[in-house]
Each structure stands twice: as structure tokens, then as C-alpha cells.
Amino acid sequence: MAACTATLFDTKPGWATRVAERNAALLAQQSMRRRGVRTPEVIFAHHIDNSRLVKAADPVRARQMRTFSAALTVLFSLIMFYGLQHFNAIENSYRIESEKQVRDQLREENRQLRLNEAQLSQPGRIDGMARQLGMSEPQPGQVVHATTHIDNGAPVLAQVNAPASNPVN
């Protein structure tokens, strides 16, 4: 039973060909009409005098523009202030890092100098170098050690010390 059903299109075998012929004829007529008379394009120059027109001030728009300008100014100022702080922080961090490196170098140099001072001030080393240069130990009484510290600002009692080698007559 399903094989016997037919549609409306199947019952009229010449319908599709008639529609195609009609469309072709209409298309040919349109192209003929287009080729026949062309509409010329004409452009007229218009001289308009707007010198008498004056733009009326809009107070609402002016207030909006002032508000917008003020908001942009505040925003720009905040952004510039943030940028200034940010770049100063970066610059300070670079400066601090370089100063830390200088501090570490100075500490290392100070350590080297203290080590060098300790090596150079060893009494055994000094004694050995003095013997190589032909120096001898000092005679008794040749070296005088200052045991008292003289304070330049303190008062001093006057005293006379007689030389030990020449008696006074």
C-alpha cells in the first residue's frame, strides 16, 4: 500500500518544466529592460549658507563634559601617582640591592685586611725578619715604655727628673 501513494507533484509531470520556462522568460525580460534605457546620474552642486546659524549652548551637555573631564583628570592623576610609586619602589629595590653588594664586598675586604694584619703583626714573624736584616735585641734601658697616658686637657704637676748619667754639682 505504501508503494502506491503518490504526491501532487508526481501526478503532474510537466509542472516543474513549466516553472523553469516561466522563470527563464522573466529573467530575459528583466535583462532586456535593463539594457534599454539607462538613467543618467546627475549631481547638482548645492551652495548652503550656514553663516547665520548659531549653535545653542546645551547646559546639560556642558555639565556632563565638565564632570567627565574632572573624572578623567582624577583617574589620570591616580594612575600617574601609582606609576610614580611603583617605579620609585623598583628603583629603590635596585639601589638597595647594589648597596647590599657593596656592603658584602666591604665586609670581605675588611675580613681580608684583618687577616692580613694578624699575619703581619705576629711577634715571631717580626723577630725572624729583624734577625734576617741583621738587627739585634735592644739593650736594657734602651727602650722606654710610657706607662702613663697623658691627657692634654687635664692639669699636670710640675716635676724635675735629673738625668741618671750626669750628677748635678
N, C-alpha and C. Protein backbone atom coordinates (compact mmCIF):
# COMPACT_ATOMS: atom_id res chain seq x y z
N MET A 1 0.80 -1.17 0.00
CA MET A 1 0.00 0.00 0.00
C MET A 1 0.87 1.26 0.00
N ALA A 2 1.97 1.24 0.69
CA ALA A 2 2.84 2.40 0.76
C ALA A 2 3.48 2.68 -0.59
N ALA A 3 3.62 1.68 -1.42
CA ALA A 3 4.24 1.87 -2.71
C ALA A 3 3.30 2.53 -3.69
N CYS A 4 2.04 2.54 -3.42
CA CYS A 4 1.06 3.09 -4.34
C CYS A 4 0.76 4.55 -4.10
N THR A 5 1.22 5.14 -2.98
CA THR A 5 0.90 6.54 -2.70
C THR A 5 1.70 7.44 -3.61
N ALA A 6 1.09 8.50 -4.05
CA ALA A 6 1.76 9.44 -4.93
C ALA A 6 1.47 10.85 -4.45
N THR A 7 2.40 11.78 -4.71
CA THR A 7 2.21 13.17 -4.32
C THR A 7 1.60 13.95 -5.45
N LEU A 8 1.29 15.22 -5.16
CA LEU A 8 0.70 16.08 -6.14
C LEU A 8 1.69 16.36 -7.26
N PHE A 9 2.98 16.45 -6.92
CA PHE A 9 3.99 16.75 -7.92
C PHE A 9 4.17 15.59 -8.89
N ASP A 10 4.00 14.40 -8.37
CA ASP A 10 4.17 13.24 -9.24
C ASP A 10 3.01 13.10 -10.23
N THR A 11 1.84 13.59 -9.86
CA THR A 11 0.69 13.43 -10.74
C THR A 11 0.74 14.37 -11.92
N LYS A 12 1.45 15.52 -11.80
CA LYS A 12 1.56 16.48 -12.89
C LYS A 12 3.00 16.46 -13.39
N PRO A 13 3.27 15.72 -14.42
CA PRO A 13 4.65 15.57 -14.85
C PRO A 13 5.22 16.81 -15.52
N GLY A 14 4.49 17.75 -16.08
CA GLY A 14 5.02 18.90 -16.78
C GLY A 14 5.11 20.16 -15.93
N TRP A 15 4.78 20.07 -14.66
CA TRP A 15 4.73 21.25 -13.81
C TRP A 15 6.11 21.85 -13.57
N ALA A 16 7.13 21.10 -13.26
CA ALA A 16 8.48 21.60 -12.98
C ALA A 16 9.09 22.24 -14.21
N THR A 17 8.84 21.68 -15.36
CA THR A 17 9.39 22.26 -16.58
C THR A 17 8.71 23.57 -16.93
N ARG A 18 7.40 23.66 -16.65
CA ARG A 18 6.70 24.91 -16.92
C ARG A 18 7.20 26.03 -16.01
N VAL A 19 7.50 25.74 -14.74
CA VAL A 19 8.01 26.76 -13.80
C VAL A 19 9.38 27.23 -14.26
N ALA A 20 10.22 26.33 -14.70
CA ALA A 20 11.56 26.70 -15.15
C ALA A 20 11.49 27.57 -16.40
N GLU A 21 10.58 27.27 -17.34
CA GLU A 21 10.44 28.08 -18.54
C GLU A 21 9.94 29.48 -18.21
N ARG A 22 9.00 29.57 -17.28
CA ARG A 22 8.47 30.87 -16.88
C ARG A 22 9.56 31.72 -16.24
N ASN A 23 10.38 31.15 -15.37
CA ASN A 23 11.48 31.90 -14.72
C ASN A 23 12.49 32.37 -15.75
N ALA A 24 12.79 31.57 -16.74
CA ALA A 24 13.75 31.95 -17.78
C ALA A 24 13.20 33.12 -18.60
N ALA A 25 11.91 33.10 -18.90
CA ALA A 25 11.31 34.19 -19.67
C ALA A 25 11.33 35.50 -18.89
N LEU A 26 11.01 35.44 -17.60
CA LEU A 26 11.05 36.66 -16.77
C LEU A 26 12.47 37.22 -16.66
N LEU A 27 13.44 36.36 -16.54
CA LEU A 27 14.84 36.79 -16.45
C LEU A 27 15.27 37.47 -17.75
N ALA A 28 14.84 36.95 -18.90
CA ALA A 28 15.18 37.55 -20.19
C ALA A 28 14.53 38.92 -20.33
N GLN A 29 13.28 39.06 -19.88
CA GLN A 29 12.61 40.36 -19.96
C GLN A 29 13.31 41.40 -19.08
N GLN A 30 13.74 40.99 -17.89
CA GLN A 30 14.44 41.93 -17.00
C GLN A 30 15.74 42.40 -17.62
N SER A 31 16.49 41.49 -18.20
CA SER A 31 17.76 41.90 -18.80
C SER A 31 17.52 42.82 -20.00
N MET A 32 16.44 42.59 -20.76
CA MET A 32 16.13 43.47 -21.88
C MET A 32 15.75 44.86 -21.39
N ARG A 33 15.00 44.93 -20.33
CA ARG A 33 14.62 46.23 -19.78
C ARG A 33 15.85 46.99 -19.28
N ARG A 34 16.77 46.27 -18.68
CA ARG A 34 17.98 46.93 -18.16
C ARG A 34 18.84 47.50 -19.28
N ARG A 35 18.91 46.82 -20.38
CA ARG A 35 19.76 47.26 -21.48
C ARG A 35 19.15 48.44 -22.24
N GLY A 36 17.88 48.60 -22.17
CA GLY A 36 17.20 49.61 -22.96
C GLY A 36 17.57 51.03 -22.59
N VAL A 37 17.00 51.59 -21.60
CA VAL A 37 17.19 52.99 -21.24
C VAL A 37 17.93 53.04 -19.90
N ARG A 38 19.04 53.73 -19.92
CA ARG A 38 19.80 53.89 -18.68
C ARG A 38 19.48 55.25 -18.09
N THR A 39 19.41 55.31 -16.78
CA THR A 39 19.13 56.57 -16.11
C THR A 39 20.46 57.30 -15.91
N PRO A 40 20.57 58.50 -16.45
CA PRO A 40 21.83 59.22 -16.24
C PRO A 40 21.93 59.73 -14.79
N GLU A 41 23.16 59.70 -14.32
CA GLU A 41 23.39 60.21 -12.96
C GLU A 41 23.70 61.69 -13.05
N VAL A 42 22.95 62.47 -12.33
CA VAL A 42 23.12 63.91 -12.35
C VAL A 42 23.39 64.36 -10.92
N ILE A 43 24.46 65.14 -10.76
CA ILE A 43 24.80 65.66 -9.45
C ILE A 43 24.73 67.17 -9.52
N PHE A 44 23.93 67.74 -8.66
CA PHE A 44 23.79 69.19 -8.61
C PHE A 44 24.60 69.71 -7.43
N ALA A 45 25.32 70.79 -7.63
CA ALA A 45 26.09 71.41 -6.56
C ALA A 45 25.17 72.29 -5.74
N HIS A 46 25.14 72.08 -4.46
CA HIS A 46 24.30 72.88 -3.57
C HIS A 46 25.20 73.79 -2.74
N HIS A 47 24.96 75.06 -2.82
CA HIS A 47 25.70 76.02 -2.01
C HIS A 47 24.81 76.41 -0.85
N ILE A 48 25.19 75.93 0.34
CA ILE A 48 24.37 76.18 1.53
C ILE A 48 25.11 77.19 2.40
N ASP A 49 24.41 78.23 2.77
CA ASP A 49 24.99 79.28 3.61
C ASP A 49 24.53 79.05 5.05
N ASN A 50 25.45 78.55 5.88
CA ASN A 50 25.13 78.30 7.29
C ASN A 50 25.72 79.37 8.21
N SER A 51 26.10 80.50 7.64
CA SER A 51 26.74 81.53 8.46
C SER A 51 25.78 82.16 9.46
N ARG A 52 24.51 82.13 9.19
CA ARG A 52 23.54 82.73 10.09
C ARG A 52 23.17 81.80 11.24
N LEU A 53 23.55 80.52 11.13
CA LEU A 53 23.19 79.56 12.17
C LEU A 53 24.15 79.68 13.35
N VAL A 54 23.62 79.66 14.54
CA VAL A 54 24.41 79.73 15.77
C VAL A 54 24.02 78.53 16.62
N LYS A 55 25.03 77.80 17.09
CA LYS A 55 24.75 76.63 17.91
C LYS A 55 24.40 77.09 19.31
N ALA A 56 23.29 76.60 19.79
CA ALA A 56 22.84 76.97 21.14
C ALA A 56 23.60 76.11 22.15
N ALA A 57 24.04 76.75 23.23
CA ALA A 57 24.77 76.04 24.27
C ALA A 57 23.81 75.13 25.03
N ASP A 58 24.25 73.90 25.26
CA ASP A 58 23.44 72.94 26.00
C ASP A 58 24.03 72.82 27.40
N PRO A 59 23.37 73.36 28.43
CA PRO A 59 23.95 73.33 29.77
C PRO A 59 24.10 71.92 30.33
N VAL A 60 23.23 71.02 29.96
CA VAL A 60 23.33 69.63 30.46
C VAL A 60 24.57 68.97 29.88
N ARG A 61 24.78 69.17 28.58
CA ARG A 61 25.95 68.57 27.93
C ARG A 61 27.24 69.19 28.47
N ALA A 62 27.23 70.51 28.71
CA ALA A 62 28.42 71.17 29.25
C ALA A 62 28.74 70.63 30.64
N ARG A 63 27.71 70.44 31.48
CA ARG A 63 27.93 69.88 32.82
C ARG A 63 28.47 68.45 32.72
N GLN A 64 27.92 67.67 31.79
CA GLN A 64 28.41 66.31 31.61
C GLN A 64 29.87 66.29 31.18
N MET A 65 30.23 67.20 30.30
CA MET A 65 31.62 67.26 29.84
C MET A 65 32.56 67.69 30.96
N ARG A 66 32.13 68.65 31.79
CA ARG A 66 32.96 69.06 32.93
C ARG A 66 33.14 67.91 33.91
N THR A 67 32.07 67.19 34.19
CA THR A 67 32.15 66.05 35.10
C THR A 67 33.06 64.97 34.52
N PHE A 68 32.90 64.69 33.24
CA PHE A 68 33.73 63.69 32.59
C PHE A 68 35.19 64.10 32.60
N SER A 69 35.46 65.39 32.31
CA SER A 69 36.84 65.88 32.31
C SER A 69 37.45 65.79 33.71
N ALA A 70 36.68 66.16 34.72
CA ALA A 70 37.18 66.07 36.10
C ALA A 70 37.46 64.62 36.48
N ALA A 71 36.58 63.71 36.09
CA ALA A 71 36.78 62.29 36.40
C ALA A 71 38.03 61.76 35.70
N LEU A 72 38.22 62.14 34.44
CA LEU A 72 39.42 61.71 33.72
C LEU A 72 40.68 62.29 34.34
N THR A 73 40.62 63.55 34.78
CA THR A 73 41.78 64.17 35.43
C THR A 73 42.13 63.44 36.71
N VAL A 74 41.13 63.12 37.52
CA VAL A 74 41.38 62.39 38.77
C VAL A 74 41.94 61.01 38.47
N LEU A 75 41.37 60.33 37.49
CA LEU A 75 41.84 59.00 37.12
C LEU A 75 43.28 59.05 36.62
N PHE A 76 43.58 60.02 35.77
CA PHE A 76 44.94 60.17 35.25
C PHE A 76 45.91 60.47 36.38
N SER A 77 45.51 61.33 37.32
CA SER A 77 46.38 61.66 38.45
C SER A 77 46.64 60.43 39.31
N LEU A 78 45.61 59.65 39.56
CA LEU A 78 45.79 58.43 40.36
C LEU A 78 46.71 57.43 39.66
N ILE A 79 46.53 57.28 38.37
CA ILE A 79 47.38 56.35 37.62
C ILE A 79 48.82 56.83 37.62
N MET A 80 49.02 58.13 37.44
CA MET A 80 50.39 58.66 37.45
C MET A 80 51.01 58.53 38.84
N PHE A 81 50.24 58.77 39.89
CA PHE A 81 50.74 58.62 41.25
C PHE A 81 51.12 57.17 41.52
N TYR A 82 50.28 56.24 41.10
CA TYR A 82 50.59 54.82 41.27
C TYR A 82 51.85 54.46 40.49
N GLY A 83 51.95 54.94 39.25
CA GLY A 83 53.14 54.65 38.44
C GLY A 83 54.40 55.22 39.06
N LEU A 84 54.30 56.43 39.60
CA LEU A 84 55.45 57.04 40.26
C LEU A 84 55.89 56.21 41.45
N GLN A 85 54.95 55.80 42.28
CA GLN A 85 55.29 54.97 43.44
C GLN A 85 55.87 53.63 43.00
N HIS A 86 55.29 53.05 41.98
CA HIS A 86 55.75 51.74 41.52
C HIS A 86 57.18 51.83 41.00
N PHE A 87 57.46 52.83 40.17
CA PHE A 87 58.80 52.95 39.63
C PHE A 87 59.81 53.37 40.69
N ASN A 88 59.40 54.18 41.67
CA ASN A 88 60.29 54.50 42.78
C ASN A 88 60.61 53.26 43.60
N ALA A 89 59.62 52.41 43.81
CA ALA A 89 59.86 51.17 44.56
C ALA A 89 60.84 50.27 43.81
N ILE A 90 60.68 50.18 42.51
CA ILE A 90 61.61 49.37 41.71
C ILE A 90 63.01 49.97 41.77
N GLU A 91 63.10 51.28 41.62
CA GLU A 91 64.40 51.95 41.66
C GLU A 91 65.06 51.77 43.03
N ASN A 92 64.27 51.90 44.10
CA ASN A 92 64.82 51.72 45.44
C ASN A 92 65.28 50.29 45.66
N SER A 93 64.55 49.32 45.14
CA SER A 93 64.98 47.93 45.31
C SER A 93 66.30 47.67 44.59
N TYR A 94 66.48 48.26 43.40
CA TYR A 94 67.76 48.13 42.70
C TYR A 94 68.87 48.81 43.50
N ARG A 95 68.59 49.99 44.04
CA ARG A 95 69.60 50.71 44.81
C ARG A 95 69.97 49.93 46.07
N ILE A 96 68.98 49.39 46.77
CA ILE A 96 69.23 48.61 47.98
C ILE A 96 70.06 47.37 47.65
N GLU A 97 69.73 46.72 46.55
CA GLU A 97 70.48 45.52 46.17
C GLU A 97 71.93 45.87 45.86
N SER A 98 72.17 46.97 45.16
CA SER A 98 73.55 47.36 44.85
C SER A 98 74.30 47.74 46.12
N GLU A 99 73.62 48.42 47.07
CA GLU A 99 74.27 48.77 48.32
C GLU A 99 74.56 47.53 49.16
N LYS A 100 73.71 46.52 49.10
CA LYS A 100 73.99 45.26 49.79
C LYS A 100 75.23 44.59 49.20
N GLN A 101 75.36 44.65 47.88
CA GLN A 101 76.55 44.06 47.25
C GLN A 101 77.80 44.82 47.67
N VAL A 102 77.72 46.15 47.73
CA VAL A 102 78.87 46.95 48.17
C VAL A 102 79.21 46.62 49.61
N ARG A 103 78.17 46.49 50.48
CA ARG A 103 78.39 46.13 51.88
C ARG A 103 79.08 44.77 52.00
N ASP A 104 78.64 43.80 51.22
CA ASP A 104 79.26 42.48 51.26
C ASP A 104 80.71 42.53 50.79
N GLN A 105 80.97 43.32 49.74
CA GLN A 105 82.34 43.47 49.27
C GLN A 105 83.22 44.12 50.33
N LEU A 106 82.68 45.16 51.00
CA LEU A 106 83.46 45.83 52.05
C LEU A 106 83.70 44.91 53.24
N ARG A 107 82.72 44.10 53.59
CA ARG A 107 82.92 43.14 54.69
C ARG A 107 84.01 42.13 54.33
N GLU A 108 83.98 41.65 53.09
CA GLU A 108 85.01 40.70 52.67
C GLU A 108 86.38 41.36 52.66
N GLU A 109 86.45 42.60 52.18
CA GLU A 109 87.72 43.33 52.18
C GLU A 109 88.21 43.57 53.60
N ASN A 110 87.29 43.92 54.52
CA ASN A 110 87.65 44.13 55.92
C ASN A 110 88.17 42.84 56.54
N ARG A 111 87.53 41.72 56.22
CA ARG A 111 87.98 40.43 56.75
C ARG A 111 89.38 40.10 56.23
N GLN A 112 89.62 40.37 54.95
CA GLN A 112 90.94 40.12 54.37
C GLN A 112 91.99 41.02 55.03
N LEU A 113 91.64 42.29 55.27
CA LEU A 113 92.60 43.20 55.90
C LEU A 113 92.90 42.80 57.34
N ARG A 114 91.90 42.36 58.09
CA ARG A 114 92.13 41.90 59.47
C ARG A 114 93.01 40.65 59.48
N LEU A 115 92.76 39.75 58.54
CA LEU A 115 93.58 38.55 58.44
C LEU A 115 95.01 38.92 58.08
N ASN A 116 95.17 39.85 57.16
CA ASN A 116 96.50 40.31 56.76
C ASN A 116 97.20 41.00 57.92
N GLU A 117 96.46 41.82 58.69
CA GLU A 117 97.03 42.50 59.86
C GLU A 117 97.47 41.48 60.90
N ALA A 118 96.65 40.46 61.13
CA ALA A 118 97.01 39.43 62.11
C ALA A 118 98.27 38.68 61.68
N GLN A 119 98.40 38.41 60.39
CA GLN A 119 99.59 37.72 59.91
C GLN A 119 100.82 38.60 60.02
N LEU A 120 100.67 39.89 59.70
CA LEU A 120 101.82 40.79 59.71
C LEU A 120 102.25 41.19 61.11
N SER A 121 101.36 41.13 62.08
CA SER A 121 101.72 41.58 63.43
C SER A 121 102.11 40.44 64.36
N GLN A 122 102.38 39.25 63.85
CA GLN A 122 102.82 38.15 64.70
C GLN A 122 104.24 38.44 65.19
N PRO A 123 104.47 38.36 66.50
CA PRO A 123 105.80 38.67 67.05
C PRO A 123 106.89 37.75 66.51
N GLY A 124 106.61 36.49 66.33
CA GLY A 124 107.62 35.56 65.82
C GLY A 124 108.05 35.92 64.41
N ARG A 125 107.12 36.32 63.59
CA ARG A 125 107.42 36.71 62.22
C ARG A 125 108.26 37.98 62.21
N ILE A 126 107.87 38.95 63.04
CA ILE A 126 108.63 40.22 63.11
C ILE A 126 110.04 39.96 63.60
N ASP A 127 110.19 39.10 64.61
CA ASP A 127 111.52 38.77 65.16
C ASP A 127 112.38 38.09 64.09
N GLY A 128 111.80 37.16 63.33
CA GLY A 128 112.55 36.48 62.28
C GLY A 128 113.00 37.44 61.19
N MET A 129 112.15 38.36 60.80
CA MET A 129 112.53 39.34 59.77
C MET A 129 113.61 40.28 60.29
N ALA A 130 113.52 40.67 61.57
CA ALA A 130 114.54 41.55 62.15
C ALA A 130 115.89 40.85 62.19
N ARG A 131 115.92 39.58 62.51
CA ARG A 131 117.20 38.83 62.53
C ARG A 131 117.75 38.71 61.12
N GLN A 132 116.89 38.53 60.09
CA GLN A 132 117.36 38.45 58.71
C GLN A 132 117.98 39.77 58.28
N LEU A 133 117.47 40.88 58.79
CA LEU A 133 118.01 42.20 58.44
C LEU A 133 119.24 42.55 59.27
N GLY A 134 119.63 41.70 60.19
CA GLY A 134 120.82 41.94 61.00
C GLY A 134 120.57 42.77 62.23
N MET A 135 119.38 42.87 62.67
CA MET A 135 119.07 43.63 63.87
C MET A 135 119.26 42.73 65.08
N SER A 136 119.53 43.37 66.22
CA SER A 136 119.72 42.61 67.46
C SER A 136 118.68 43.07 68.48
N GLU A 137 118.61 42.33 69.58
CA GLU A 137 117.66 42.68 70.63
C GLU A 137 118.09 43.97 71.31
N PRO A 138 117.16 44.77 71.77
CA PRO A 138 117.54 46.03 72.43
C PRO A 138 118.23 45.77 73.77
N GLN A 139 119.14 46.66 74.11
CA GLN A 139 119.86 46.58 75.39
C GLN A 139 118.92 47.05 76.50
N PRO A 140 119.18 46.59 77.74
CA PRO A 140 118.34 47.05 78.85
C PRO A 140 118.47 48.56 79.01
N GLY A 141 117.34 49.24 79.17
CA GLY A 141 117.30 50.69 79.33
C GLY A 141 117.23 51.44 78.02
N GLN A 142 117.39 50.73 76.89
CA GLN A 142 117.35 51.38 75.59
C GLN A 142 115.90 51.70 75.18
N VAL A 143 114.98 50.90 75.61
CA VAL A 143 113.57 51.10 75.27
C VAL A 143 112.85 51.63 76.49
N VAL A 144 112.14 52.74 76.34
CA VAL A 144 111.37 53.32 77.43
C VAL A 144 109.90 53.15 77.09
N HIS A 145 109.17 52.49 77.97
CA HIS A 145 107.73 52.30 77.77
C HIS A 145 106.98 53.39 78.51
N ALA A 146 106.09 54.05 77.87
CA ALA A 146 105.26 55.07 78.50
C ALA A 146 104.11 54.35 79.17
N THR A 147 104.10 54.38 80.50
CA THR A 147 103.05 53.67 81.23
C THR A 147 101.88 54.58 81.56
N THR A 148 102.13 55.86 81.67
CA THR A 148 101.04 56.78 81.98
C THR A 148 100.53 57.40 80.68
N HIS A 149 99.26 57.54 80.64
CA HIS A 149 98.64 58.18 79.48
C HIS A 149 98.45 59.65 79.81
N ILE A 150 98.96 60.50 78.96
CA ILE A 150 98.87 61.93 79.19
C ILE A 150 97.58 62.43 78.56
N ASP A 151 96.79 63.10 79.39
CA ASP A 151 95.56 63.69 78.90
C ASP A 151 95.84 65.17 78.68
N ASN A 152 95.70 65.64 77.48
CA ASN A 152 96.03 67.03 77.15
C ASN A 152 95.13 68.02 77.87
N GLY A 153 93.96 67.64 78.25
CA GLY A 153 93.04 68.57 78.88
C GLY A 153 93.16 68.59 80.40
N ALA A 154 93.88 67.63 81.01
CA ALA A 154 93.97 67.55 82.48
C ALA A 154 95.17 68.36 82.98
N PRO A 155 95.07 68.91 84.20
CA PRO A 155 96.23 69.64 84.75
C PRO A 155 97.36 68.67 85.13
N VAL A 156 98.61 69.15 84.97
CA VAL A 156 99.79 68.32 85.23
C VAL A 156 100.64 69.01 86.30
N LEU A 157 101.13 68.23 87.26
CA LEU A 157 102.03 68.77 88.28
C LEU A 157 103.42 68.89 87.70
N ALA A 158 104.10 69.95 88.00
CA ALA A 158 105.45 70.14 87.51
C ALA A 158 106.40 69.28 88.31
N GLN A 159 107.33 68.62 87.61
CA GLN A 159 108.34 67.81 88.28
C GLN A 159 109.63 67.86 87.48
N VAL A 160 110.72 67.65 88.18
CA VAL A 160 112.04 67.67 87.56
C VAL A 160 112.64 66.29 87.74
N ASN A 161 113.08 65.73 86.64
CA ASN A 161 113.76 64.44 86.68
C ASN A 161 115.22 64.69 86.31
N ALA A 162 116.09 64.32 87.19
CA ALA A 162 117.52 64.50 86.93
C ALA A 162 118.01 63.37 86.06
N PRO A 163 118.90 63.67 85.11
CA PRO A 163 119.44 62.60 84.30
C PRO A 163 120.29 61.67 85.17
N ALA A 164 120.22 60.39 84.92
CA ALA A 164 120.92 59.40 85.74
C ALA A 164 122.41 59.38 85.47
N SER A 165 122.88 59.73 84.31
CA SER A 165 124.30 59.63 83.99
C SER A 165 125.12 60.81 84.48
N ASN A 166 124.61 62.01 84.54
CA ASN A 166 125.37 63.20 84.96
C ASN A 166 124.86 63.69 86.31
N PRO A 167 125.66 63.55 87.37
CA PRO A 167 125.25 64.10 88.66
C PRO A 167 125.37 65.61 88.65
N VAL A 168 124.50 66.27 89.36
CA VAL A 168 124.49 67.73 89.42
C VAL A 168 125.46 68.17 90.52
N ASN A 169 126.40 69.13 90.25
CA ASN A 169 127.36 69.63 91.22
C ASN A 169 126.94 70.92 91.79
